[in-house]
Amino acid sequence: MMVEDGGVWTARLQTRIGSAARAGLKARGPALRAALASVILASCATITPPGASTPSGPPSIPSAPLALGDYRGASPSAVLSQFERGVSSRYAAGLALNAVSADLRRNAFTCAPGASSERGDPPAQICRQTLSANACTHTWQVHLYDRGGDSQLARTRALYDRRCGDDGLLGGPG
């Protein structure tokens, strides 16, 4: 039978428990770190930036005009939803970026290379179209992303803005 001698017994017991716990963690540590790293990497690989979508269109680009949405009658959020669906369903992942931007140019968009940035993942191409109708200025943008400069479409981001009177315009002051 052990008798506590001024806290010495408690300190010894804590030392033994601590040593056993550390030994157990050392044995399982590499496996736990590997499992944690694989979970983190898997979650990062499936994250799409907000507003961007993985294209799900056919392997060839349709010849019909790109639908801009009911910009004359619907709310801006409804037009954006329609436009996002149209862009995502029109272009398939893996298409050549120059083919996608050429199609957007055929649909009256102006395209230019995306600005390089040290923050985030800038688009490889930005295509924009502006129309005036019903005393408003309507602006659509399509951001085309590739994977590490491979010039193959990886994802798209569709944007829409409506300016009437003194409202702000997408990408500019109000």
N, C-alpha and C. Protein backbone atom coordinates (compact mmCIF):
# COMPACT_ATOMS: atom_id res chain seq x y z
N MET A 1 0.84 -1.16 0.00
CA MET A 1 0.00 0.00 0.00
C MET A 1 0.89 1.24 0.00
N MET A 2 0.56 2.18 -0.89
CA MET A 2 1.34 3.41 -0.98
C MET A 2 0.70 4.47 -0.11
N VAL A 3 1.53 5.25 0.51
CA VAL A 3 1.05 6.32 1.35
C VAL A 3 1.59 7.63 0.78
N GLU A 4 0.71 8.59 0.71
CA GLU A 4 1.10 9.89 0.16
C GLU A 4 2.03 10.57 1.16
N ASP A 5 3.17 11.01 0.65
CA ASP A 5 4.16 11.66 1.49
C ASP A 5 4.33 13.09 1.01
N GLY A 6 3.45 13.97 1.48
CA GLY A 6 3.57 15.39 1.16
C GLY A 6 3.42 15.67 -0.33
N GLY A 7 2.61 14.91 -1.04
CA GLY A 7 2.36 15.18 -2.45
C GLY A 7 3.34 14.47 -3.36
N VAL A 8 4.34 13.76 -2.81
CA VAL A 8 5.33 13.07 -3.64
C VAL A 8 4.66 11.94 -4.42
N TRP A 9 3.79 11.18 -3.76
CA TRP A 9 3.09 10.07 -4.41
C TRP A 9 2.26 10.59 -5.58
N THR A 10 1.55 11.68 -5.39
CA THR A 10 0.72 12.26 -6.44
C THR A 10 1.58 12.70 -7.62
N ALA A 11 2.71 13.33 -7.35
CA ALA A 11 3.59 13.77 -8.42
C ALA A 11 4.13 12.59 -9.20
N ARG A 12 4.51 11.49 -8.50
CA ARG A 12 5.01 10.30 -9.17
C ARG A 12 3.93 9.68 -10.06
N LEU A 13 2.73 9.61 -9.53
CA LEU A 13 1.62 9.03 -10.29
C LEU A 13 1.34 9.88 -11.54
N GLN A 14 1.34 11.18 -11.41
CA GLN A 14 1.12 12.06 -12.57
C GLN A 14 2.24 11.88 -13.59
N THR A 15 3.46 11.70 -13.14
CA THR A 15 4.59 11.49 -14.04
C THR A 15 4.41 10.19 -14.81
N ARG A 16 4.01 9.11 -14.12
CA ARG A 16 3.79 7.83 -14.78
C ARG A 16 2.66 7.92 -15.81
N ILE A 17 1.57 8.54 -15.44
CA ILE A 17 0.43 8.68 -16.36
C ILE A 17 0.84 9.51 -17.57
N GLY A 18 1.54 10.62 -17.33
CA GLY A 18 1.99 11.49 -18.41
C GLY A 18 2.93 10.76 -19.36
N SER A 19 3.86 9.97 -18.82
CA SER A 19 4.80 9.22 -19.65
C SER A 19 4.06 8.21 -20.51
N ALA A 20 3.09 7.52 -19.94
CA ALA A 20 2.32 6.52 -20.70
C ALA A 20 1.52 7.19 -21.80
N ALA A 21 0.92 8.33 -21.50
CA ALA A 21 0.12 9.04 -22.51
C ALA A 21 1.01 9.54 -23.64
N ARG A 22 2.18 10.07 -23.30
CA ARG A 22 3.10 10.55 -24.34
C ARG A 22 3.58 9.40 -25.20
N ALA A 23 3.85 8.26 -24.62
CA ALA A 23 4.32 7.10 -25.38
C ALA A 23 3.22 6.64 -26.34
N GLY A 24 1.99 6.64 -25.88
CA GLY A 24 0.87 6.25 -26.74
C GLY A 24 0.68 7.23 -27.89
N LEU A 25 0.83 8.51 -27.64
CA LEU A 25 0.70 9.52 -28.70
C LEU A 25 1.84 9.43 -29.69
N LYS A 26 3.06 9.14 -29.17
CA LYS A 26 4.20 9.00 -30.08
C LYS A 26 3.97 7.84 -31.03
N ALA A 27 3.41 6.76 -30.54
CA ALA A 27 3.18 5.59 -31.39
C ALA A 27 2.10 5.88 -32.43
N ARG A 28 1.07 6.61 -32.04
CA ARG A 28 -0.05 6.89 -32.96
C ARG A 28 0.09 8.23 -33.67
N GLY A 29 1.01 9.07 -33.26
CA GLY A 29 1.16 10.42 -33.81
C GLY A 29 1.28 10.49 -35.32
N PRO A 30 2.23 9.76 -35.93
CA PRO A 30 2.37 9.85 -37.39
C PRO A 30 1.10 9.42 -38.13
N ALA A 31 0.44 8.38 -37.64
CA ALA A 31 -0.79 7.92 -38.29
C ALA A 31 -1.90 8.97 -38.15
N LEU A 32 -1.99 9.57 -36.97
CA LEU A 32 -3.00 10.61 -36.77
C LEU A 32 -2.72 11.82 -37.65
N ARG A 33 -1.45 12.23 -37.72
CA ARG A 33 -1.10 13.38 -38.57
C ARG A 33 -1.39 13.09 -40.03
N ALA A 34 -1.09 11.89 -40.49
CA ALA A 34 -1.34 11.52 -41.89
C ALA A 34 -2.84 11.54 -42.19
N ALA A 35 -3.64 11.00 -41.27
CA ALA A 35 -5.09 10.99 -41.47
C ALA A 35 -5.64 12.41 -41.49
N LEU A 36 -5.18 13.24 -40.58
CA LEU A 36 -5.63 14.63 -40.53
C LEU A 36 -5.23 15.38 -41.80
N ALA A 37 -4.01 15.18 -42.26
CA ALA A 37 -3.55 15.85 -43.48
C ALA A 37 -4.37 15.41 -44.69
N SER A 38 -4.70 14.13 -44.79
CA SER A 38 -5.49 13.67 -45.95
C SER A 38 -6.90 14.25 -45.92
N VAL A 39 -7.48 14.38 -44.74
CA VAL A 39 -8.82 14.98 -44.64
C VAL A 39 -8.76 16.45 -45.05
N ILE A 40 -7.76 17.16 -44.60
CA ILE A 40 -7.63 18.58 -44.94
C ILE A 40 -7.40 18.75 -46.43
N LEU A 41 -6.51 17.96 -47.02
CA LEU A 41 -6.25 18.06 -48.46
C LEU A 41 -7.49 17.70 -49.28
N ALA A 42 -8.21 16.68 -48.87
CA ALA A 42 -9.41 16.30 -49.60
C ALA A 42 -10.45 17.40 -49.57
N SER A 43 -10.59 18.06 -48.43
CA SER A 43 -11.58 19.14 -48.35
C SER A 43 -11.15 20.33 -49.19
N CYS A 44 -9.85 20.62 -49.26
CA CYS A 44 -9.37 21.73 -50.08
C CYS A 44 -9.54 21.46 -51.56
N ALA A 45 -9.40 20.22 -51.96
CA ALA A 45 -9.49 19.88 -53.38
C ALA A 45 -10.90 20.03 -53.91
N THR A 46 -11.90 20.02 -53.05
CA THR A 46 -13.28 20.08 -53.52
C THR A 46 -13.92 21.44 -53.31
N ILE A 47 -13.18 22.42 -52.84
CA ILE A 47 -13.74 23.73 -52.57
C ILE A 47 -13.76 24.57 -53.84
N THR A 48 -14.91 25.14 -54.17
CA THR A 48 -15.04 26.06 -55.28
C THR A 48 -15.27 27.44 -54.70
N PRO A 49 -14.58 28.45 -55.19
CA PRO A 49 -14.77 29.79 -54.64
C PRO A 49 -16.23 30.23 -54.72
N PRO A 50 -16.65 31.10 -53.80
CA PRO A 50 -18.03 31.57 -53.82
C PRO A 50 -18.36 32.22 -55.16
N GLY A 51 -19.50 31.87 -55.71
CA GLY A 51 -19.93 32.44 -56.98
C GLY A 51 -19.39 31.72 -58.19
N ALA A 52 -18.39 30.87 -58.02
CA ALA A 52 -17.84 30.13 -59.15
C ALA A 52 -18.51 28.77 -59.22
N SER A 53 -18.60 28.23 -60.43
CA SER A 53 -19.19 26.91 -60.58
C SER A 53 -18.37 26.09 -61.54
N THR A 54 -18.41 24.78 -61.33
CA THR A 54 -17.75 23.87 -62.24
C THR A 54 -18.65 23.71 -63.45
N PRO A 55 -18.14 23.99 -64.65
CA PRO A 55 -18.97 23.89 -65.84
C PRO A 55 -19.46 22.46 -66.06
N SER A 56 -20.69 22.34 -66.52
CA SER A 56 -21.27 21.01 -66.74
C SER A 56 -21.82 20.86 -68.15
N GLY A 57 -21.39 21.71 -69.07
CA GLY A 57 -21.94 21.71 -70.43
C GLY A 57 -21.44 20.56 -71.28
N PRO A 58 -21.91 20.53 -72.53
CA PRO A 58 -21.52 19.47 -73.46
C PRO A 58 -20.06 19.62 -73.88
N PRO A 59 -19.48 18.56 -74.46
CA PRO A 59 -18.07 18.63 -74.85
C PRO A 59 -17.80 19.60 -76.00
N SER A 60 -18.84 20.00 -76.74
CA SER A 60 -18.66 21.03 -77.77
C SER A 60 -19.62 22.18 -77.46
N ILE A 61 -19.23 23.38 -77.83
CA ILE A 61 -20.01 24.58 -77.51
C ILE A 61 -21.22 24.67 -78.45
N PRO A 62 -22.42 24.87 -77.91
CA PRO A 62 -23.61 25.01 -78.76
C PRO A 62 -23.52 26.24 -79.66
N SER A 63 -24.19 26.18 -80.80
CA SER A 63 -24.16 27.32 -81.73
C SER A 63 -25.23 28.36 -81.40
N ALA A 64 -26.20 28.02 -80.58
CA ALA A 64 -27.27 28.96 -80.21
C ALA A 64 -26.68 30.10 -79.38
N PRO A 65 -27.31 31.28 -79.42
CA PRO A 65 -26.81 32.41 -78.62
C PRO A 65 -26.85 32.10 -77.12
N LEU A 66 -25.93 32.71 -76.39
CA LEU A 66 -25.89 32.58 -74.94
C LEU A 66 -27.05 33.37 -74.35
N ALA A 67 -27.85 32.72 -73.51
CA ALA A 67 -29.00 33.38 -72.88
C ALA A 67 -28.51 34.30 -71.76
N LEU A 68 -28.90 35.57 -71.85
CA LEU A 68 -28.49 36.56 -70.85
C LEU A 68 -29.47 36.64 -69.69
N GLY A 69 -30.64 36.04 -69.80
CA GLY A 69 -31.67 36.15 -68.78
C GLY A 69 -32.66 37.24 -69.16
N ASP A 70 -33.77 37.28 -68.45
CA ASP A 70 -34.83 38.25 -68.74
C ASP A 70 -34.49 39.59 -68.08
N TYR A 71 -33.48 40.28 -68.63
CA TYR A 71 -33.00 41.51 -68.00
C TYR A 71 -33.98 42.67 -68.13
N ARG A 72 -34.94 42.59 -69.03
CA ARG A 72 -35.92 43.67 -69.16
C ARG A 72 -37.05 43.58 -68.14
N GLY A 73 -37.34 42.35 -67.67
CA GLY A 73 -38.49 42.21 -66.79
C GLY A 73 -38.23 41.61 -65.43
N ALA A 74 -37.16 40.85 -65.29
CA ALA A 74 -36.91 40.15 -64.02
C ALA A 74 -36.04 40.99 -63.08
N SER A 75 -36.01 40.58 -61.83
CA SER A 75 -35.16 41.26 -60.84
C SER A 75 -33.69 40.94 -61.15
N PRO A 76 -32.77 41.79 -60.69
CA PRO A 76 -31.35 41.51 -60.93
C PRO A 76 -30.91 40.12 -60.42
N SER A 77 -31.41 39.70 -59.27
CA SER A 77 -31.01 38.39 -58.75
C SER A 77 -31.54 37.26 -59.64
N ALA A 78 -32.75 37.42 -60.18
CA ALA A 78 -33.29 36.40 -61.09
C ALA A 78 -32.49 36.36 -62.39
N VAL A 79 -32.11 37.53 -62.92
CA VAL A 79 -31.29 37.58 -64.14
C VAL A 79 -29.95 36.90 -63.88
N LEU A 80 -29.34 37.19 -62.74
CA LEU A 80 -28.07 36.57 -62.40
C LEU A 80 -28.21 35.05 -62.34
N SER A 81 -29.25 34.55 -61.69
CA SER A 81 -29.45 33.10 -61.60
C SER A 81 -29.61 32.47 -62.97
N GLN A 82 -30.40 33.11 -63.84
CA GLN A 82 -30.59 32.59 -65.20
C GLN A 82 -29.27 32.60 -65.96
N PHE A 83 -28.52 33.68 -65.84
CA PHE A 83 -27.25 33.81 -66.55
C PHE A 83 -26.23 32.79 -66.03
N GLU A 84 -26.15 32.62 -64.71
CA GLU A 84 -25.23 31.63 -64.13
C GLU A 84 -25.52 30.23 -64.66
N ARG A 85 -26.81 29.86 -64.67
CA ARG A 85 -27.19 28.53 -65.19
C ARG A 85 -26.82 28.40 -66.66
N GLY A 86 -27.06 29.46 -67.43
CA GLY A 86 -26.75 29.42 -68.86
C GLY A 86 -25.27 29.24 -69.12
N VAL A 87 -24.44 29.96 -68.39
CA VAL A 87 -22.98 29.87 -68.57
C VAL A 87 -22.48 28.49 -68.13
N SER A 88 -22.93 28.04 -66.97
CA SER A 88 -22.46 26.76 -66.44
C SER A 88 -22.87 25.59 -67.34
N SER A 89 -24.07 25.64 -67.90
CA SER A 89 -24.53 24.53 -68.74
C SER A 89 -24.02 24.63 -70.18
N ARG A 90 -23.46 25.75 -70.57
CA ARG A 90 -22.99 25.94 -71.94
C ARG A 90 -21.58 25.40 -72.15
N TYR A 91 -20.73 25.53 -71.15
CA TYR A 91 -19.32 25.19 -71.30
C TYR A 91 -18.95 24.01 -70.40
N ALA A 92 -18.20 23.07 -70.96
CA ALA A 92 -17.75 21.90 -70.21
C ALA A 92 -16.34 22.14 -69.67
N ALA A 93 -16.07 21.57 -68.52
CA ALA A 93 -14.72 21.63 -67.98
C ALA A 93 -13.79 20.91 -68.96
N GLY A 94 -12.61 21.48 -69.17
CA GLY A 94 -11.65 20.89 -70.08
C GLY A 94 -11.63 21.51 -71.46
N LEU A 95 -12.64 22.35 -71.79
CA LEU A 95 -12.61 23.04 -73.08
C LEU A 95 -11.44 24.01 -73.11
N ALA A 96 -10.92 24.27 -74.30
CA ALA A 96 -9.83 25.24 -74.44
C ALA A 96 -10.37 26.63 -74.11
N LEU A 97 -9.62 27.39 -73.31
CA LEU A 97 -10.05 28.74 -72.95
C LEU A 97 -10.25 29.62 -74.18
N ASN A 98 -9.39 29.47 -75.19
CA ASN A 98 -9.54 30.31 -76.39
C ASN A 98 -10.83 29.99 -77.14
N ALA A 99 -11.31 28.74 -77.10
CA ALA A 99 -12.59 28.39 -77.74
C ALA A 99 -13.76 29.02 -76.97
N VAL A 100 -13.69 29.01 -75.65
CA VAL A 100 -14.75 29.59 -74.82
C VAL A 100 -14.79 31.10 -75.00
N SER A 101 -13.63 31.75 -74.96
CA SER A 101 -13.62 33.21 -75.14
C SER A 101 -14.04 33.59 -76.56
N ALA A 102 -13.71 32.77 -77.56
CA ALA A 102 -14.15 33.04 -78.94
C ALA A 102 -15.68 32.95 -79.02
N ASP A 103 -16.27 31.98 -78.33
CA ASP A 103 -17.73 31.87 -78.32
C ASP A 103 -18.35 33.09 -77.64
N LEU A 104 -17.77 33.53 -76.55
CA LEU A 104 -18.29 34.72 -75.87
C LEU A 104 -18.15 35.95 -76.77
N ARG A 105 -17.08 36.06 -77.51
CA ARG A 105 -16.93 37.18 -78.45
C ARG A 105 -18.02 37.12 -79.53
N ARG A 106 -18.33 35.92 -80.02
CA ARG A 106 -19.44 35.78 -81.00
C ARG A 106 -20.76 36.25 -80.40
N ASN A 107 -20.86 36.21 -79.08
CA ASN A 107 -22.07 36.64 -78.38
C ASN A 107 -21.94 38.06 -77.86
N ALA A 108 -21.11 38.87 -78.50
CA ALA A 108 -20.96 40.31 -78.23
C ALA A 108 -20.29 40.64 -76.90
N PHE A 109 -19.50 39.72 -76.36
CA PHE A 109 -18.69 40.00 -75.16
C PHE A 109 -17.32 40.47 -75.61
N THR A 110 -16.71 41.30 -74.80
CA THR A 110 -15.32 41.72 -74.99
C THR A 110 -14.49 40.96 -73.97
N CYS A 111 -13.44 40.29 -74.42
CA CYS A 111 -12.63 39.46 -73.50
C CYS A 111 -11.21 40.00 -73.41
N ALA A 112 -10.63 39.83 -72.24
CA ALA A 112 -9.25 40.24 -71.99
C ALA A 112 -8.66 39.30 -70.95
N PRO A 113 -7.33 39.19 -70.93
CA PRO A 113 -6.70 38.36 -69.89
C PRO A 113 -7.00 38.93 -68.51
N GLY A 114 -7.15 38.06 -67.53
CA GLY A 114 -7.35 38.50 -66.15
C GLY A 114 -6.07 39.10 -65.60
N ALA A 115 -6.20 40.01 -64.69
CA ALA A 115 -5.03 40.65 -64.06
C ALA A 115 -4.37 39.66 -63.12
N SER A 116 -3.05 39.61 -63.15
CA SER A 116 -2.35 38.73 -62.22
C SER A 116 -2.42 39.34 -60.84
N SER A 117 -2.48 38.48 -59.85
CA SER A 117 -2.62 38.95 -58.48
C SER A 117 -1.87 38.02 -57.56
N GLU A 118 -1.36 38.57 -56.48
CA GLU A 118 -0.71 37.74 -55.48
C GLU A 118 -1.72 37.24 -54.46
N ARG A 119 -2.97 37.65 -54.60
CA ARG A 119 -4.02 37.23 -53.68
C ARG A 119 -4.99 36.33 -54.42
N GLY A 120 -5.38 35.25 -53.83
CA GLY A 120 -6.41 34.40 -54.37
C GLY A 120 -6.03 33.75 -55.70
N ASP A 121 -7.06 33.43 -56.48
CA ASP A 121 -6.90 32.76 -57.76
C ASP A 121 -7.57 33.61 -58.83
N PRO A 122 -6.82 34.47 -59.50
CA PRO A 122 -7.44 35.36 -60.48
C PRO A 122 -7.88 34.58 -61.72
N PRO A 123 -8.92 35.06 -62.41
CA PRO A 123 -9.37 34.38 -63.63
C PRO A 123 -8.32 34.53 -64.74
N ALA A 124 -8.28 33.54 -65.62
CA ALA A 124 -7.37 33.59 -66.77
C ALA A 124 -7.92 34.55 -67.83
N GLN A 125 -9.24 34.62 -67.96
CA GLN A 125 -9.90 35.51 -68.92
C GLN A 125 -11.11 36.15 -68.24
N ILE A 126 -11.39 37.40 -68.61
CA ILE A 126 -12.60 38.09 -68.15
C ILE A 126 -13.29 38.60 -69.40
N CYS A 127 -14.55 38.20 -69.56
CA CYS A 127 -15.34 38.63 -70.72
C CYS A 127 -16.52 39.46 -70.21
N ARG A 128 -16.81 40.55 -70.91
CA ARG A 128 -17.82 41.51 -70.44
C ARG A 128 -18.68 42.01 -71.59
N GLN A 129 -19.97 42.18 -71.29
CA GLN A 129 -20.90 42.77 -72.25
C GLN A 129 -21.76 43.80 -71.52
N THR A 130 -21.99 44.93 -72.16
CA THR A 130 -22.83 45.98 -71.58
C THR A 130 -23.88 46.39 -72.61
N LEU A 131 -25.13 46.48 -72.15
CA LEU A 131 -26.25 46.92 -72.99
C LEU A 131 -27.04 47.99 -72.25
N SER A 132 -27.65 48.90 -73.01
CA SER A 132 -28.57 49.88 -72.42
C SER A 132 -29.97 49.54 -72.88
N ALA A 133 -30.88 49.43 -71.93
CA ALA A 133 -32.28 49.12 -72.25
C ALA A 133 -33.15 49.60 -71.10
N ASN A 134 -34.33 50.13 -71.43
CA ASN A 134 -35.29 50.58 -70.41
C ASN A 134 -34.67 51.57 -69.43
N ALA A 135 -33.88 52.50 -69.93
CA ALA A 135 -33.23 53.55 -69.13
C ALA A 135 -32.27 52.98 -68.09
N CYS A 136 -31.76 51.78 -68.33
CA CYS A 136 -30.80 51.15 -67.43
C CYS A 136 -29.62 50.63 -68.23
N THR A 137 -28.49 50.52 -67.56
CA THR A 137 -27.31 49.90 -68.15
C THR A 137 -27.14 48.52 -67.52
N HIS A 138 -27.09 47.50 -68.37
CA HIS A 138 -26.97 46.11 -67.93
C HIS A 138 -25.57 45.63 -68.28
N THR A 139 -24.91 45.00 -67.32
CA THR A 139 -23.55 44.51 -67.53
C THR A 139 -23.45 43.06 -67.09
N TRP A 140 -22.93 42.22 -68.00
CA TRP A 140 -22.69 40.81 -67.71
C TRP A 140 -21.20 40.57 -67.79
N GLN A 141 -20.68 39.75 -66.88
CA GLN A 141 -19.27 39.33 -66.93
C GLN A 141 -19.19 37.83 -66.76
N VAL A 142 -18.24 37.24 -67.47
CA VAL A 142 -17.92 35.82 -67.29
C VAL A 142 -16.44 35.74 -66.98
N HIS A 143 -16.11 35.17 -65.83
CA HIS A 143 -14.72 34.94 -65.45
C HIS A 143 -14.40 33.48 -65.77
N LEU A 144 -13.34 33.26 -66.53
CA LEU A 144 -12.93 31.92 -66.94
C LEU A 144 -11.65 31.56 -66.19
N TYR A 145 -11.68 30.44 -65.49
CA TYR A 145 -10.53 29.99 -64.69
C TYR A 145 -9.95 28.72 -65.30
N ASP A 146 -8.62 28.62 -65.25
CA ASP A 146 -7.96 27.39 -65.63
C ASP A 146 -7.23 26.84 -64.41
N ARG A 147 -6.51 25.74 -64.59
CA ARG A 147 -5.74 25.16 -63.49
C ARG A 147 -4.27 25.40 -63.73
N GLY A 148 -3.71 26.33 -63.02
CA GLY A 148 -2.28 26.56 -63.08
C GLY A 148 -1.75 26.95 -64.45
N GLY A 149 -2.54 27.68 -65.24
CA GLY A 149 -2.08 28.16 -66.53
C GLY A 149 -2.12 27.14 -67.65
N ASP A 150 -2.93 26.08 -67.51
CA ASP A 150 -2.97 25.05 -68.56
C ASP A 150 -3.89 25.40 -69.73
N SER A 151 -4.56 26.56 -69.67
CA SER A 151 -5.44 27.06 -70.74
C SER A 151 -6.62 26.14 -71.03
N GLN A 152 -7.01 25.33 -70.05
CA GLN A 152 -8.20 24.48 -70.15
C GLN A 152 -9.20 24.96 -69.09
N LEU A 153 -10.45 25.11 -69.50
CA LEU A 153 -11.47 25.62 -68.59
C LEU A 153 -11.65 24.70 -67.39
N ALA A 154 -11.51 25.26 -66.19
CA ALA A 154 -11.70 24.51 -64.95
C ALA A 154 -13.01 24.91 -64.28
N ARG A 155 -13.32 26.21 -64.28
CA ARG A 155 -14.56 26.69 -63.67
C ARG A 155 -14.89 28.07 -64.23
N THR A 156 -16.13 28.48 -64.02
CA THR A 156 -16.59 29.78 -64.50
C THR A 156 -17.23 30.54 -63.35
N ARG A 157 -17.33 31.84 -63.54
CA ARG A 157 -18.08 32.68 -62.61
C ARG A 157 -18.84 33.69 -63.45
N ALA A 158 -20.14 33.71 -63.29
CA ALA A 158 -20.99 34.63 -64.04
C ALA A 158 -21.45 35.75 -63.10
N LEU A 159 -21.41 36.99 -63.60
CA LEU A 159 -21.82 38.16 -62.82
C LEU A 159 -22.78 39.00 -63.66
N TYR A 160 -23.69 39.67 -62.99
CA TYR A 160 -24.62 40.57 -63.66
C TYR A 160 -24.85 41.78 -62.78
N ASP A 161 -24.98 42.95 -63.41
CA ASP A 161 -25.28 44.18 -62.68
C ASP A 161 -26.20 45.04 -63.52
N ARG A 162 -27.11 45.72 -62.86
CA ARG A 162 -28.03 46.66 -63.51
C ARG A 162 -27.87 48.01 -62.85
N ARG A 163 -27.66 49.05 -63.67
CA ARG A 163 -27.56 50.41 -63.14
C ARG A 163 -28.65 51.26 -63.77
N CYS A 164 -29.47 51.82 -62.93
CA CYS A 164 -30.52 52.74 -63.37
C CYS A 164 -30.35 54.04 -62.60
N GLY A 165 -30.17 55.13 -63.30
CA GLY A 165 -29.98 56.42 -62.62
C GLY A 165 -28.62 56.48 -61.96
N ASP A 166 -28.59 56.70 -60.63
CA ASP A 166 -27.33 56.87 -59.91
C ASP A 166 -26.84 55.59 -59.22
N ASP A 167 -27.39 54.43 -59.59
CA ASP A 167 -26.92 53.17 -59.02
C ASP A 167 -25.47 52.93 -59.42
N GLY A 168 -24.74 52.10 -58.64
CA GLY A 168 -23.36 51.74 -58.98
C GLY A 168 -23.33 50.68 -60.06
N LEU A 169 -22.32 50.73 -60.90
CA LEU A 169 -22.14 49.77 -61.98
C LEU A 169 -21.05 48.78 -61.59
N LEU A 170 -21.23 47.53 -61.96
CA LEU A 170 -20.25 46.49 -61.67
C LEU A 170 -18.86 46.93 -62.11
N GLY A 171 -17.97 47.03 -61.20
CA GLY A 171 -16.61 47.39 -61.51
C GLY A 171 -16.35 48.88 -61.58
N GLY A 172 -17.29 49.73 -61.21
CA GLY A 172 -17.05 51.17 -61.30
C GLY A 172 -17.85 51.94 -60.26
N PRO A 173 -17.56 53.23 -60.12
CA PRO A 173 -18.25 54.04 -59.11
C PRO A 173 -19.69 54.34 -59.51
N GLY A 174 -20.51 54.69 -58.53
CA GLY A 174 -21.92 54.99 -58.75
C GLY A 174 -22.16 56.41 -59.16
